[in-house]
Amino acid sequence: MIKNSLISVIPQEKKEKNKGSVEFQIVSFTNRIRRLTSHLKLHKRDYLSQRGLRKILGKRQRLLTYLSKKNRVRYKELIGQLDIRDQKIR
């Protein structure tokens, strides 16, 4: 697994205060998604991990939608830092 490529976008002192913030949750979900993706490259038939990955992707997608509706500037900064694609807004 790739442990060194985990993202630390949020500074350490902010992590302790804002663990429930939308940005922190999106960053932690992104780290988990990248870890699971690298795991699934090795273990292609791990269907329970695939299901967990889909659930985490859905949660992150809902949080990103919420953030894009509430504060578009913070949303753009976050997806730029995390290097994820911009979502289609319905």
N, C-alpha and C. Protein backbone atom coordinates (compact mmCIF):
# COMPACT_ATOMS: atom_id res chain seq x y z
N MET A 1 0.81 -1.18 0.00
CA MET A 1 0.00 0.00 0.00
C MET A 1 0.86 1.25 0.00
N ILE A 2 0.27 2.31 -0.45
CA ILE A 2 0.99 3.57 -0.53
C ILE A 2 0.61 4.43 0.66
N LYS A 3 1.50 4.54 1.63
CA LYS A 3 1.19 5.32 2.82
C LYS A 3 1.79 6.72 2.74
N ASN A 4 2.81 6.91 1.95
CA ASN A 4 3.46 8.21 1.88
C ASN A 4 2.70 9.20 1.02
N SER A 5 1.79 8.73 0.19
CA SER A 5 1.09 9.63 -0.70
C SER A 5 -0.20 10.19 -0.10
N LEU A 6 -0.40 9.97 1.21
CA LEU A 6 -1.59 10.50 1.84
C LEU A 6 -1.49 12.02 1.90
N ILE A 7 -2.61 12.65 1.85
CA ILE A 7 -2.66 14.09 1.69
C ILE A 7 -2.77 14.75 3.05
N SER A 8 -1.97 15.77 3.27
CA SER A 8 -2.10 16.57 4.49
C SER A 8 -2.31 18.02 4.06
N VAL A 9 -3.47 18.29 3.51
CA VAL A 9 -3.82 19.62 3.02
C VAL A 9 -4.08 20.56 4.19
N ILE A 10 -4.71 20.03 5.23
CA ILE A 10 -5.08 20.85 6.37
C ILE A 10 -3.92 20.84 7.37
N PRO A 11 -3.49 22.01 7.85
CA PRO A 11 -2.39 22.07 8.82
C PRO A 11 -2.74 21.31 10.11
N GLN A 12 -1.69 20.89 10.84
CA GLN A 12 -1.88 20.05 12.02
C GLN A 12 -2.71 20.73 13.11
N GLU A 13 -2.48 22.03 13.36
CA GLU A 13 -3.22 22.70 14.43
C GLU A 13 -4.70 22.84 14.08
N LYS A 14 -5.02 22.95 12.79
CA LYS A 14 -6.42 23.03 12.38
C LYS A 14 -7.09 21.68 12.47
N LYS A 15 -6.33 20.60 12.30
CA LYS A 15 -6.91 19.26 12.37
C LYS A 15 -7.51 19.00 13.74
N GLU A 16 -6.82 19.43 14.78
CA GLU A 16 -7.29 19.15 16.13
C GLU A 16 -8.58 19.88 16.44
N LYS A 17 -8.75 21.09 15.89
CA LYS A 17 -9.94 21.88 16.18
C LYS A 17 -11.13 21.47 15.32
N ASN A 18 -10.91 21.23 14.05
CA ASN A 18 -12.00 21.10 13.08
C ASN A 18 -12.14 19.70 12.51
N LYS A 19 -12.15 18.69 13.35
CA LYS A 19 -12.28 17.33 12.83
C LYS A 19 -13.65 17.06 12.24
N GLY A 20 -14.63 17.86 12.58
CA GLY A 20 -15.96 17.66 12.04
C GLY A 20 -16.28 18.54 10.86
N SER A 21 -15.32 19.35 10.43
CA SER A 21 -15.59 20.26 9.32
C SER A 21 -15.72 19.49 8.01
N VAL A 22 -16.39 20.10 7.07
CA VAL A 22 -16.62 19.45 5.78
C VAL A 22 -15.31 19.18 5.07
N GLU A 23 -14.39 20.15 5.12
CA GLU A 23 -13.11 19.97 4.43
C GLU A 23 -12.33 18.80 5.01
N PHE A 24 -12.29 18.71 6.34
CA PHE A 24 -11.55 17.61 6.98
C PHE A 24 -12.15 16.27 6.60
N GLN A 25 -13.47 16.17 6.59
CA GLN A 25 -14.12 14.91 6.23
C GLN A 25 -13.83 14.53 4.79
N ILE A 26 -13.83 15.51 3.89
CA ILE A 26 -13.55 15.22 2.47
C ILE A 26 -12.10 14.76 2.31
N VAL A 27 -11.17 15.39 3.02
CA VAL A 27 -9.76 15.00 2.94
C VAL A 27 -9.58 13.58 3.48
N SER A 28 -10.22 13.26 4.61
CA SER A 28 -10.06 11.92 5.17
C SER A 28 -10.71 10.87 4.27
N PHE A 29 -11.87 11.18 3.67
CA PHE A 29 -12.48 10.24 2.72
C PHE A 29 -11.58 10.04 1.50
N THR A 30 -10.95 11.11 1.02
CA THR A 30 -10.06 11.01 -0.13
C THR A 30 -8.87 10.13 0.19
N ASN A 31 -8.31 10.26 1.39
CA ASN A 31 -7.20 9.39 1.80
C ASN A 31 -7.63 7.93 1.83
N ARG A 32 -8.81 7.67 2.40
CA ARG A 32 -9.31 6.30 2.46
C ARG A 32 -9.58 5.75 1.06
N ILE A 33 -10.10 6.59 0.16
CA ILE A 33 -10.38 6.16 -1.21
C ILE A 33 -9.08 5.78 -1.92
N ARG A 34 -8.05 6.58 -1.73
CA ARG A 34 -6.77 6.27 -2.41
C ARG A 34 -6.14 5.01 -1.85
N ARG A 35 -6.26 4.79 -0.52
CA ARG A 35 -5.74 3.57 0.07
C ARG A 35 -6.50 2.35 -0.44
N LEU A 36 -7.83 2.43 -0.49
CA LEU A 36 -8.63 1.30 -0.98
C LEU A 36 -8.38 1.04 -2.46
N THR A 37 -8.18 2.09 -3.23
CA THR A 37 -7.92 1.91 -4.66
C THR A 37 -6.62 1.16 -4.88
N SER A 38 -5.58 1.52 -4.11
CA SER A 38 -4.32 0.80 -4.26
C SER A 38 -4.45 -0.64 -3.78
N HIS A 39 -5.27 -0.88 -2.76
CA HIS A 39 -5.52 -2.24 -2.29
C HIS A 39 -6.24 -3.06 -3.36
N LEU A 40 -7.22 -2.44 -4.02
CA LEU A 40 -8.01 -3.17 -5.01
C LEU A 40 -7.23 -3.44 -6.29
N LYS A 41 -6.16 -2.70 -6.52
CA LYS A 41 -5.31 -3.02 -7.68
C LYS A 41 -4.62 -4.36 -7.47
N LEU A 42 -4.30 -4.68 -6.21
CA LEU A 42 -3.65 -5.95 -5.91
C LEU A 42 -4.67 -7.08 -5.74
N HIS A 43 -5.82 -6.78 -5.15
CA HIS A 43 -6.82 -7.80 -4.83
C HIS A 43 -8.10 -7.49 -5.60
N LYS A 44 -8.15 -7.93 -6.83
CA LYS A 44 -9.26 -7.57 -7.72
C LYS A 44 -10.59 -8.20 -7.31
N ARG A 45 -10.57 -9.30 -6.61
CA ARG A 45 -11.82 -9.99 -6.26
C ARG A 45 -12.28 -9.71 -4.83
N ASP A 46 -11.79 -8.67 -4.23
CA ASP A 46 -12.21 -8.30 -2.88
C ASP A 46 -13.48 -7.46 -2.99
N TYR A 47 -14.61 -8.14 -3.06
CA TYR A 47 -15.87 -7.47 -3.35
C TYR A 47 -16.37 -6.65 -2.17
N LEU A 48 -16.05 -7.04 -0.95
CA LEU A 48 -16.48 -6.25 0.20
C LEU A 48 -15.75 -4.91 0.25
N SER A 49 -14.49 -4.91 -0.13
CA SER A 49 -13.76 -3.65 -0.18
C SER A 49 -14.28 -2.77 -1.32
N GLN A 50 -14.70 -3.39 -2.42
CA GLN A 50 -15.29 -2.62 -3.52
C GLN A 50 -16.58 -1.95 -3.06
N ARG A 51 -17.37 -2.67 -2.28
CA ARG A 51 -18.61 -2.11 -1.76
C ARG A 51 -18.32 -0.95 -0.81
N GLY A 52 -17.33 -1.13 0.06
CA GLY A 52 -16.94 -0.06 0.97
C GLY A 52 -16.44 1.16 0.23
N LEU A 53 -15.70 0.93 -0.84
CA LEU A 53 -15.20 2.04 -1.65
C LEU A 53 -16.35 2.81 -2.27
N ARG A 54 -17.35 2.10 -2.78
CA ARG A 54 -18.51 2.78 -3.37
C ARG A 54 -19.27 3.60 -2.34
N LYS A 55 -19.37 3.08 -1.12
CA LYS A 55 -20.06 3.81 -0.05
C LYS A 55 -19.30 5.09 0.31
N ILE A 56 -17.98 4.99 0.42
CA ILE A 56 -17.16 6.17 0.75
C ILE A 56 -17.23 7.19 -0.38
N LEU A 57 -17.22 6.71 -1.63
CA LEU A 57 -17.33 7.63 -2.76
C LEU A 57 -18.64 8.40 -2.73
N GLY A 58 -19.72 7.71 -2.37
CA GLY A 58 -21.02 8.36 -2.27
C GLY A 58 -21.06 9.41 -1.17
N LYS A 59 -20.46 9.08 -0.02
CA LYS A 59 -20.42 10.05 1.08
C LYS A 59 -19.62 11.28 0.69
N ARG A 60 -18.46 11.05 0.05
CA ARG A 60 -17.64 12.19 -0.36
C ARG A 60 -18.36 13.03 -1.40
N GLN A 61 -19.08 12.37 -2.30
CA GLN A 61 -19.81 13.10 -3.33
C GLN A 61 -20.89 13.98 -2.71
N ARG A 62 -21.61 13.46 -1.72
CA ARG A 62 -22.63 14.26 -1.04
C ARG A 62 -22.03 15.45 -0.31
N LEU A 63 -20.87 15.24 0.34
CA LEU A 63 -20.21 16.35 1.03
C LEU A 63 -19.71 17.40 0.04
N LEU A 64 -19.18 16.96 -1.10
CA LEU A 64 -18.72 17.91 -2.11
C LEU A 64 -19.88 18.71 -2.68
N THR A 65 -21.01 18.07 -2.88
CA THR A 65 -22.19 18.78 -3.37
C THR A 65 -22.64 19.82 -2.36
N TYR A 66 -22.65 19.45 -1.09
CA TYR A 66 -23.03 20.39 -0.03
C TYR A 66 -22.08 21.58 0.00
N LEU A 67 -20.78 21.31 -0.07
CA LEU A 67 -19.80 22.39 -0.02
C LEU A 67 -19.89 23.29 -1.24
N SER A 68 -20.17 22.72 -2.41
CA SER A 68 -20.26 23.55 -3.61
C SER A 68 -21.47 24.46 -3.56
N LYS A 69 -22.54 24.01 -2.90
CA LYS A 69 -23.72 24.87 -2.77
C LYS A 69 -23.53 25.94 -1.72
N LYS A 70 -22.82 25.63 -0.63
CA LYS A 70 -22.66 26.58 0.46
C LYS A 70 -21.57 27.62 0.18
N ASN A 71 -20.42 27.15 -0.31
CA ASN A 71 -19.30 28.07 -0.52
C ASN A 71 -18.49 27.59 -1.72
N ARG A 72 -18.73 28.19 -2.86
CA ARG A 72 -18.11 27.76 -4.11
C ARG A 72 -16.59 28.00 -4.11
N VAL A 73 -16.14 29.06 -3.44
CA VAL A 73 -14.71 29.37 -3.42
C VAL A 73 -13.94 28.30 -2.65
N ARG A 74 -14.43 27.94 -1.46
CA ARG A 74 -13.77 26.88 -0.67
C ARG A 74 -13.80 25.56 -1.42
N TYR A 75 -14.88 25.29 -2.13
CA TYR A 75 -15.00 24.07 -2.92
C TYR A 75 -13.93 24.01 -4.00
N LYS A 76 -13.77 25.10 -4.74
CA LYS A 76 -12.78 25.15 -5.82
C LYS A 76 -11.37 24.98 -5.27
N GLU A 77 -11.06 25.62 -4.13
CA GLU A 77 -9.74 25.49 -3.53
C GLU A 77 -9.47 24.05 -3.10
N LEU A 78 -10.47 23.42 -2.51
CA LEU A 78 -10.29 22.06 -2.00
C LEU A 78 -10.08 21.05 -3.11
N ILE A 79 -10.89 21.13 -4.18
CA ILE A 79 -10.69 20.16 -5.26
C ILE A 79 -9.38 20.42 -6.00
N GLY A 80 -8.92 21.67 -5.99
CA GLY A 80 -7.61 21.95 -6.57
C GLY A 80 -6.49 21.35 -5.76
N GLN A 81 -6.59 21.43 -4.44
CA GLN A 81 -5.57 20.88 -3.56
C GLN A 81 -5.57 19.35 -3.57
N LEU A 82 -6.75 18.76 -3.64
CA LEU A 82 -6.85 17.30 -3.61
C LEU A 82 -6.65 16.66 -4.97
N ASP A 83 -6.65 17.47 -6.02
CA ASP A 83 -6.47 16.98 -7.38
C ASP A 83 -7.57 15.97 -7.75
N ILE A 84 -8.83 16.38 -7.51
CA ILE A 84 -9.97 15.58 -7.93
C ILE A 84 -10.78 16.38 -8.92
N ARG A 85 -11.56 15.68 -9.72
CA ARG A 85 -12.32 16.34 -10.78
C ARG A 85 -13.48 17.11 -10.24
N ASP A 86 -13.86 18.14 -10.97
CA ASP A 86 -15.04 18.93 -10.63
C ASP A 86 -16.28 18.11 -10.98
N GLN A 87 -17.26 18.14 -10.10
CA GLN A 87 -18.46 17.35 -10.32
C GLN A 87 -19.45 18.09 -11.21
N LYS A 88 -20.34 17.33 -11.80
CA LYS A 88 -21.42 17.94 -12.58
C LYS A 88 -22.54 18.28 -11.61
N ILE A 89 -22.97 19.51 -11.64
CA ILE A 89 -24.06 19.93 -10.76
C ILE A 89 -25.37 19.73 -11.50
N ARG A 90 -26.30 19.06 -10.85
CA ARG A 90 -27.57 18.72 -11.50
C ARG A 90 -28.49 19.89 -11.52
